[in-house]
Amino acid sequence: MIKMVRNLMTTAAKGNTRLYFEPTVLESAGFTPGDPVAVRIEEAAIFLVRSEDGDGVISRRQRAGWREPRPYFDRKNQEITRVLRAHQRIDMIVRDGEIEVRGMSVGFSLTEVREDEELQGHELGRLRCFSIPSGCTPV
């Protein structure tokens, strides 16, 4: 089930696209500091998934005003740069134990409907999602 859709912009570091996951996004996916994760890169998407065999670990970040450290993860390399450009708008689709990142020009399926339900406009066959760049949209 989709928990959140977040619209952000990538950054650049040392000639590569930098992709970072803030505490709010990681906590929505159920990640905590110290969790082992894997970054899976596909043709048009990047996935951060919980995995005991992963090559990364969720870091901890502590800021003034926070009672305890919160999760943080960032990655920059050529593989990410091949999929996403620096300073490109992206959508983060957050599920339990997984975060999917896609460039905004690519759509994604947001249909989770029971068989006994019919939504208004069901004959259209496609659902559009409006993502606002200034924050997150809990689902």
N, C-alpha and C. Protein backbone atom coordinates (compact mmCIF):
# COMPACT_ATOMS: atom_id res chain seq x y z
N MET A 1 0.83 -1.18 0.00
CA MET A 1 0.00 0.00 0.00
C MET A 1 0.88 1.25 0.00
N ILE A 2 0.50 2.23 -0.78
CA ILE A 2 1.25 3.48 -0.85
C ILE A 2 0.93 4.31 0.38
N LYS A 3 1.99 4.77 1.07
CA LYS A 3 1.81 5.56 2.28
C LYS A 3 1.98 7.05 2.03
N MET A 4 2.81 7.41 1.05
CA MET A 4 3.10 8.82 0.80
C MET A 4 3.65 8.97 -0.61
N VAL A 5 3.36 10.10 -1.23
CA VAL A 5 4.00 10.48 -2.48
C VAL A 5 4.67 11.81 -2.22
N ARG A 6 5.95 11.89 -2.49
CA ARG A 6 6.71 13.12 -2.20
C ARG A 6 7.37 13.59 -3.47
N ASN A 7 7.27 14.86 -3.77
CA ASN A 7 7.88 15.43 -4.94
C ASN A 7 9.06 16.29 -4.52
N LEU A 8 10.24 15.98 -5.03
CA LEU A 8 11.47 16.68 -4.66
C LEU A 8 12.30 16.97 -5.89
N MET A 9 13.49 17.49 -5.67
CA MET A 9 14.44 17.72 -6.75
C MET A 9 15.78 17.08 -6.35
N THR A 10 16.42 16.42 -7.30
CA THR A 10 17.73 15.85 -7.02
C THR A 10 18.76 16.98 -6.94
N THR A 11 19.92 16.68 -6.38
CA THR A 11 21.01 17.65 -6.35
C THR A 11 22.23 17.00 -7.00
N ALA A 12 23.34 17.70 -6.99
CA ALA A 12 24.57 17.17 -7.57
C ALA A 12 25.70 17.25 -6.55
N ALA A 13 26.61 16.28 -6.61
CA ALA A 13 27.79 16.26 -5.76
C ALA A 13 28.90 15.51 -6.47
N LYS A 14 30.04 16.14 -6.61
CA LYS A 14 31.21 15.53 -7.24
C LYS A 14 30.91 14.97 -8.62
N GLY A 15 30.12 15.70 -9.40
CA GLY A 15 29.82 15.30 -10.77
C GLY A 15 28.76 14.23 -10.93
N ASN A 16 28.15 13.79 -9.83
CA ASN A 16 27.10 12.77 -9.89
C ASN A 16 25.79 13.30 -9.32
N THR A 17 24.70 12.64 -9.70
CA THR A 17 23.40 12.98 -9.13
C THR A 17 23.35 12.47 -7.70
N ARG A 18 22.93 13.34 -6.79
CA ARG A 18 22.81 12.98 -5.38
C ARG A 18 21.34 12.78 -5.06
N LEU A 19 21.05 11.64 -4.48
CA LEU A 19 19.69 11.29 -4.11
C LEU A 19 19.67 11.12 -2.59
N TYR A 20 18.85 11.89 -1.90
CA TYR A 20 18.82 11.78 -0.44
C TYR A 20 17.40 11.54 0.04
N PHE A 21 17.30 10.81 1.13
CA PHE A 21 16.03 10.44 1.72
C PHE A 21 15.98 11.05 3.12
N GLU A 22 15.06 11.96 3.33
CA GLU A 22 14.93 12.65 4.60
C GLU A 22 14.21 11.78 5.64
N PRO A 23 14.34 12.16 6.92
CA PRO A 23 13.71 11.36 7.99
C PRO A 23 12.23 11.09 7.80
N THR A 24 11.45 12.09 7.39
CA THR A 24 10.00 11.91 7.25
C THR A 24 9.67 10.80 6.26
N VAL A 25 10.37 10.78 5.13
CA VAL A 25 10.14 9.77 4.10
C VAL A 25 10.55 8.40 4.62
N LEU A 26 11.72 8.30 5.22
CA LEU A 26 12.22 7.02 5.73
C LEU A 26 11.33 6.47 6.85
N GLU A 27 10.90 7.34 7.75
CA GLU A 27 10.02 6.89 8.83
C GLU A 27 8.67 6.41 8.30
N SER A 28 8.15 7.05 7.25
CA SER A 28 6.89 6.60 6.65
C SER A 28 7.02 5.21 6.05
N ALA A 29 8.22 4.88 5.56
CA ALA A 29 8.46 3.55 4.99
C ALA A 29 8.82 2.53 6.07
N GLY A 30 8.97 2.98 7.32
CA GLY A 30 9.28 2.07 8.41
C GLY A 30 10.76 1.84 8.66
N PHE A 31 11.62 2.68 8.07
CA PHE A 31 13.06 2.53 8.28
C PHE A 31 13.48 3.21 9.57
N THR A 32 14.47 2.63 10.24
CA THR A 32 15.06 3.21 11.43
C THR A 32 16.57 3.21 11.27
N PRO A 33 17.29 4.07 12.02
CA PRO A 33 18.74 4.07 11.92
C PRO A 33 19.33 2.67 12.18
N GLY A 34 20.26 2.27 11.33
CA GLY A 34 20.90 0.97 11.46
C GLY A 34 20.29 -0.12 10.61
N ASP A 35 19.12 0.13 10.00
CA ASP A 35 18.50 -0.88 9.13
C ASP A 35 19.37 -1.14 7.90
N PRO A 36 19.60 -2.41 7.55
CA PRO A 36 20.32 -2.71 6.32
C PRO A 36 19.40 -2.50 5.11
N VAL A 37 19.94 -1.88 4.05
CA VAL A 37 19.15 -1.59 2.86
C VAL A 37 19.94 -1.90 1.59
N ALA A 38 19.21 -2.07 0.52
CA ALA A 38 19.82 -2.24 -0.80
C ALA A 38 19.24 -1.19 -1.73
N VAL A 39 20.07 -0.68 -2.60
CA VAL A 39 19.61 0.24 -3.63
C VAL A 39 19.55 -0.55 -4.92
N ARG A 40 18.33 -0.69 -5.46
CA ARG A 40 18.13 -1.45 -6.70
C ARG A 40 17.84 -0.44 -7.81
N ILE A 41 18.63 -0.51 -8.86
CA ILE A 41 18.49 0.45 -9.96
C ILE A 41 17.96 -0.27 -11.18
N GLU A 42 16.85 0.24 -11.70
CA GLU A 42 16.26 -0.31 -12.91
C GLU A 42 16.33 0.74 -14.00
N GLU A 43 15.78 0.43 -15.15
CA GLU A 43 15.88 1.32 -16.31
C GLU A 43 15.35 2.72 -16.05
N ALA A 44 14.19 2.83 -15.40
CA ALA A 44 13.57 4.14 -15.20
C ALA A 44 13.28 4.45 -13.74
N ALA A 45 13.76 3.63 -12.82
CA ALA A 45 13.44 3.84 -11.41
C ALA A 45 14.58 3.37 -10.51
N ILE A 46 14.60 3.92 -9.32
CA ILE A 46 15.56 3.52 -8.29
C ILE A 46 14.74 3.14 -7.07
N PHE A 47 15.08 2.02 -6.45
CA PHE A 47 14.35 1.52 -5.29
C PHE A 47 15.30 1.42 -4.10
N LEU A 48 14.86 1.90 -2.96
CA LEU A 48 15.56 1.69 -1.70
C LEU A 48 14.71 0.69 -0.93
N VAL A 49 15.26 -0.50 -0.68
CA VAL A 49 14.49 -1.57 -0.04
C VAL A 49 15.22 -2.12 1.17
N ARG A 50 14.45 -2.55 2.17
CA ARG A 50 15.03 -3.20 3.34
C ARG A 50 15.55 -4.55 2.90
N SER A 51 16.80 -4.86 3.24
CA SER A 51 17.42 -6.11 2.79
C SER A 51 18.58 -6.48 3.70
N GLU A 52 18.54 -7.67 4.23
CA GLU A 52 19.65 -8.14 5.07
C GLU A 52 20.94 -8.28 4.26
N ASP A 53 20.82 -8.48 2.96
CA ASP A 53 21.99 -8.64 2.08
C ASP A 53 22.38 -7.33 1.43
N GLY A 54 21.80 -6.22 1.87
CA GLY A 54 22.03 -4.93 1.24
C GLY A 54 23.44 -4.42 1.43
N ASP A 55 23.80 -3.45 0.58
CA ASP A 55 25.14 -2.87 0.63
C ASP A 55 25.16 -1.53 1.36
N GLY A 56 24.06 -1.16 2.00
CA GLY A 56 24.00 0.11 2.71
C GLY A 56 23.31 -0.02 4.05
N VAL A 57 23.41 1.03 4.83
CA VAL A 57 22.79 1.08 6.15
C VAL A 57 22.15 2.46 6.31
N ILE A 58 20.96 2.50 6.90
CA ILE A 58 20.31 3.77 7.18
C ILE A 58 21.10 4.49 8.27
N SER A 59 21.52 5.72 7.97
CA SER A 59 22.29 6.52 8.93
C SER A 59 21.36 7.15 9.95
N ARG A 60 21.97 7.73 10.98
CA ARG A 60 21.19 8.45 11.98
C ARG A 60 21.57 9.92 11.91
N ARG A 61 20.57 10.77 12.06
CA ARG A 61 20.80 12.21 12.03
C ARG A 61 20.18 12.81 13.29
N GLN A 62 20.96 13.65 13.94
CA GLN A 62 20.49 14.31 15.16
C GLN A 62 20.54 15.81 14.94
N ARG A 63 19.45 16.48 15.22
CA ARG A 63 19.40 17.93 15.09
C ARG A 63 18.87 18.53 16.40
N ALA A 64 19.19 19.79 16.60
CA ALA A 64 18.69 20.49 17.79
C ALA A 64 17.16 20.47 17.76
N GLY A 65 16.56 20.16 18.87
CA GLY A 65 15.11 20.11 18.95
C GLY A 65 14.53 18.70 18.77
N TRP A 66 15.32 17.79 18.25
CA TRP A 66 14.87 16.39 18.12
C TRP A 66 15.22 15.66 19.40
N ARG A 67 14.30 14.91 19.93
CA ARG A 67 14.54 14.16 21.16
C ARG A 67 15.50 12.99 20.95
N GLU A 68 15.43 12.40 19.78
CA GLU A 68 16.30 11.25 19.48
C GLU A 68 16.70 11.30 18.01
N PRO A 69 17.77 10.58 17.65
CA PRO A 69 18.20 10.57 16.25
C PRO A 69 17.12 10.00 15.33
N ARG A 70 17.09 10.51 14.10
CA ARG A 70 16.13 10.04 13.11
C ARG A 70 16.88 9.46 11.92
N PRO A 71 16.22 8.65 11.08
CA PRO A 71 16.90 8.02 9.95
C PRO A 71 17.22 9.00 8.83
N TYR A 72 18.31 8.73 8.12
CA TYR A 72 18.75 9.55 6.98
C TYR A 72 19.55 8.65 6.05
N PHE A 73 19.40 8.86 4.74
CA PHE A 73 20.17 8.07 3.77
C PHE A 73 20.43 8.93 2.55
N ASP A 74 21.67 8.90 2.08
CA ASP A 74 21.95 9.57 0.81
C ASP A 74 22.96 8.77 0.02
N ARG A 75 22.86 8.90 -1.29
CA ARG A 75 23.72 8.12 -2.18
C ARG A 75 23.97 8.95 -3.43
N LYS A 76 25.19 8.89 -3.93
CA LYS A 76 25.55 9.55 -5.18
C LYS A 76 26.55 8.67 -5.91
N ASN A 77 26.25 8.32 -7.15
CA ASN A 77 27.17 7.52 -7.95
C ASN A 77 26.74 7.57 -9.42
N GLN A 78 27.54 6.96 -10.28
CA GLN A 78 27.27 7.01 -11.72
C GLN A 78 26.02 6.22 -12.10
N GLU A 79 25.71 5.15 -11.37
CA GLU A 79 24.51 4.37 -11.68
C GLU A 79 23.25 5.21 -11.50
N ILE A 80 23.20 5.97 -10.42
CA ILE A 80 22.06 6.87 -10.19
C ILE A 80 22.02 7.95 -11.26
N THR A 81 23.20 8.47 -11.63
CA THR A 81 23.28 9.52 -12.65
C THR A 81 22.78 9.03 -14.00
N ARG A 82 22.91 7.74 -14.29
CA ARG A 82 22.41 7.21 -15.55
C ARG A 82 20.88 7.19 -15.61
N VAL A 83 20.23 7.12 -14.45
CA VAL A 83 18.77 7.05 -14.39
C VAL A 83 18.15 8.43 -14.16
N LEU A 84 18.76 9.25 -13.30
CA LEU A 84 18.23 10.56 -12.95
C LEU A 84 19.28 11.65 -13.18
N ARG A 85 18.85 12.78 -13.70
CA ARG A 85 19.76 13.92 -13.88
C ARG A 85 19.82 14.74 -12.59
N ALA A 86 20.89 15.47 -12.42
CA ALA A 86 20.98 16.40 -11.30
C ALA A 86 19.98 17.52 -11.52
N HIS A 87 19.39 18.01 -10.46
CA HIS A 87 18.41 19.10 -10.47
C HIS A 87 17.16 18.74 -11.28
N GLN A 88 16.79 17.46 -11.26
CA GLN A 88 15.59 16.97 -11.93
C GLN A 88 14.49 16.75 -10.89
N ARG A 89 13.26 17.11 -11.23
CA ARG A 89 12.12 16.84 -10.35
C ARG A 89 11.86 15.34 -10.34
N ILE A 90 11.63 14.80 -9.15
CA ILE A 90 11.37 13.38 -8.99
C ILE A 90 10.17 13.15 -8.11
N ASP A 91 9.55 12.00 -8.24
CA ASP A 91 8.50 11.56 -7.33
C ASP A 91 9.05 10.41 -6.52
N MET A 92 8.86 10.46 -5.20
CA MET A 92 9.18 9.35 -4.31
C MET A 92 7.87 8.71 -3.92
N ILE A 93 7.72 7.44 -4.23
CA ILE A 93 6.52 6.70 -3.87
C ILE A 93 6.91 5.81 -2.69
N VAL A 94 6.32 6.06 -1.53
CA VAL A 94 6.73 5.41 -0.29
C VAL A 94 5.74 4.30 0.06
N ARG A 95 6.29 3.09 0.24
CA ARG A 95 5.52 1.94 0.70
C ARG A 95 6.24 1.38 1.93
N ASP A 96 5.63 0.46 2.62
CA ASP A 96 6.26 -0.15 3.79
C ASP A 96 7.51 -0.91 3.36
N GLY A 97 8.67 -0.50 3.85
CA GLY A 97 9.93 -1.17 3.56
C GLY A 97 10.50 -0.90 2.19
N GLU A 98 9.92 0.06 1.45
CA GLU A 98 10.41 0.34 0.09
C GLU A 98 10.09 1.78 -0.30
N ILE A 99 11.06 2.41 -0.96
CA ILE A 99 10.85 3.74 -1.53
C ILE A 99 11.24 3.67 -3.00
N GLU A 100 10.32 4.05 -3.86
CA GLU A 100 10.55 4.04 -5.30
C GLU A 100 10.74 5.48 -5.77
N VAL A 101 11.77 5.72 -6.57
CA VAL A 101 12.07 7.06 -7.07
C VAL A 101 12.01 7.03 -8.59
N ARG A 102 11.23 7.95 -9.15
CA ARG A 102 11.08 8.06 -10.61
C ARG A 102 11.14 9.53 -11.00
N GLY A 103 11.66 9.78 -12.20
CA GLY A 103 11.60 11.12 -12.76
C GLY A 103 10.15 11.50 -12.98
N MET A 104 9.81 12.76 -12.86
CA MET A 104 8.41 13.17 -12.94
C MET A 104 7.76 12.92 -14.29
N SER A 105 8.53 12.77 -15.33
CA SER A 105 7.92 12.54 -16.65
C SER A 105 7.35 11.14 -16.77
N VAL A 106 7.69 10.28 -15.83
CA VAL A 106 7.23 8.90 -15.86
C VAL A 106 6.05 8.76 -14.90
N GLY A 107 4.98 8.10 -15.32
CA GLY A 107 3.82 7.91 -14.47
C GLY A 107 3.96 6.65 -13.64
N PHE A 108 3.06 6.49 -12.69
CA PHE A 108 3.05 5.28 -11.88
C PHE A 108 1.61 4.93 -11.56
N SER A 109 1.37 3.69 -11.26
CA SER A 109 0.03 3.22 -10.98
C SER A 109 -0.32 3.46 -9.53
N LEU A 110 -1.45 4.08 -9.29
CA LEU A 110 -1.90 4.40 -7.95
C LEU A 110 -3.29 3.82 -7.74
N THR A 111 -3.49 2.62 -8.21
CA THR A 111 -4.81 2.02 -8.08
C THR A 111 -4.76 0.85 -7.12
N GLU A 112 -5.50 0.97 -6.05
CA GLU A 112 -5.66 -0.10 -5.08
C GLU A 112 -7.15 -0.14 -4.76
N VAL A 113 -7.90 -0.82 -5.60
CA VAL A 113 -9.35 -0.84 -5.50
C VAL A 113 -9.81 -2.27 -5.32
N ARG A 114 -10.73 -2.46 -4.38
CA ARG A 114 -11.30 -3.80 -4.20
C ARG A 114 -12.18 -4.12 -5.39
N GLU A 115 -12.36 -5.41 -5.66
CA GLU A 115 -13.15 -5.83 -6.81
C GLU A 115 -14.61 -5.41 -6.71
N ASP A 116 -15.13 -5.27 -5.50
CA ASP A 116 -16.54 -4.92 -5.34
C ASP A 116 -16.79 -3.41 -5.34
N GLU A 117 -15.74 -2.60 -5.59
CA GLU A 117 -15.88 -1.15 -5.61
C GLU A 117 -15.74 -0.63 -7.03
N GLU A 118 -16.47 0.42 -7.34
CA GLU A 118 -16.32 1.12 -8.60
C GLU A 118 -16.16 2.59 -8.29
N LEU A 119 -15.07 3.17 -8.78
CA LEU A 119 -14.84 4.58 -8.54
C LEU A 119 -15.46 5.40 -9.66
N GLN A 120 -15.74 6.66 -9.35
CA GLN A 120 -16.25 7.56 -10.38
C GLN A 120 -15.21 7.67 -11.48
N GLY A 121 -15.61 7.56 -12.72
CA GLY A 121 -14.69 7.64 -13.85
C GLY A 121 -13.97 6.33 -14.12
N HIS A 122 -14.47 5.21 -13.59
CA HIS A 122 -13.79 3.92 -13.74
C HIS A 122 -13.60 3.53 -15.20
N GLU A 123 -14.43 4.02 -16.07
CA GLU A 123 -14.32 3.66 -17.48
C GLU A 123 -13.12 4.34 -18.16
N LEU A 124 -12.53 5.34 -17.52
CA LEU A 124 -11.39 6.04 -18.11
C LEU A 124 -10.13 5.18 -18.11
N GLY A 125 -9.97 4.30 -17.14
CA GLY A 125 -8.84 3.38 -17.11
C GLY A 125 -7.53 3.97 -16.65
N ARG A 126 -7.51 5.23 -16.23
CA ARG A 126 -6.26 5.83 -15.79
C ARG A 126 -6.55 6.86 -14.70
N LEU A 127 -5.68 6.91 -13.72
CA LEU A 127 -5.83 7.83 -12.61
C LEU A 127 -4.62 8.76 -12.61
N ARG A 128 -4.85 10.05 -12.60
CA ARG A 128 -3.75 11.00 -12.56
C ARG A 128 -3.54 11.45 -11.11
N CYS A 129 -2.30 11.63 -10.75
CA CYS A 129 -1.95 12.07 -9.41
C CYS A 129 -1.26 13.42 -9.51
N PHE A 130 -1.71 14.37 -8.75
CA PHE A 130 -1.10 15.69 -8.73
C PHE A 130 -0.15 15.74 -7.54
N SER A 131 1.11 16.00 -7.80
CA SER A 131 2.11 16.04 -6.74
C SER A 131 2.61 17.46 -6.58
N ILE A 132 2.51 18.01 -5.39
CA ILE A 132 2.91 19.38 -5.13
C ILE A 132 4.37 19.40 -4.68
N PRO A 133 5.22 20.20 -5.34
CA PRO A 133 6.65 20.19 -5.05
C PRO A 133 7.05 20.69 -3.67
N SER A 134 6.16 21.28 -2.90
CA SER A 134 6.58 21.90 -1.65
C SER A 134 6.35 21.05 -0.42
N GLY A 135 6.02 19.79 -0.58
CA GLY A 135 5.79 18.99 0.63
C GLY A 135 5.43 17.58 0.32
N CYS A 136 4.80 16.92 1.26
CA CYS A 136 4.44 15.54 1.06
C CYS A 136 2.92 15.40 1.13
N THR A 137 2.43 14.37 0.48
CA THR A 137 1.01 14.11 0.45
C THR A 137 0.76 12.75 1.07
N PRO A 138 0.33 12.68 2.34
CA PRO A 138 0.04 11.37 2.92
C PRO A 138 -1.15 10.74 2.20
N VAL A 139 -1.06 9.47 1.99
CA VAL A 139 -2.13 8.76 1.29
C VAL A 139 -2.87 7.89 2.26
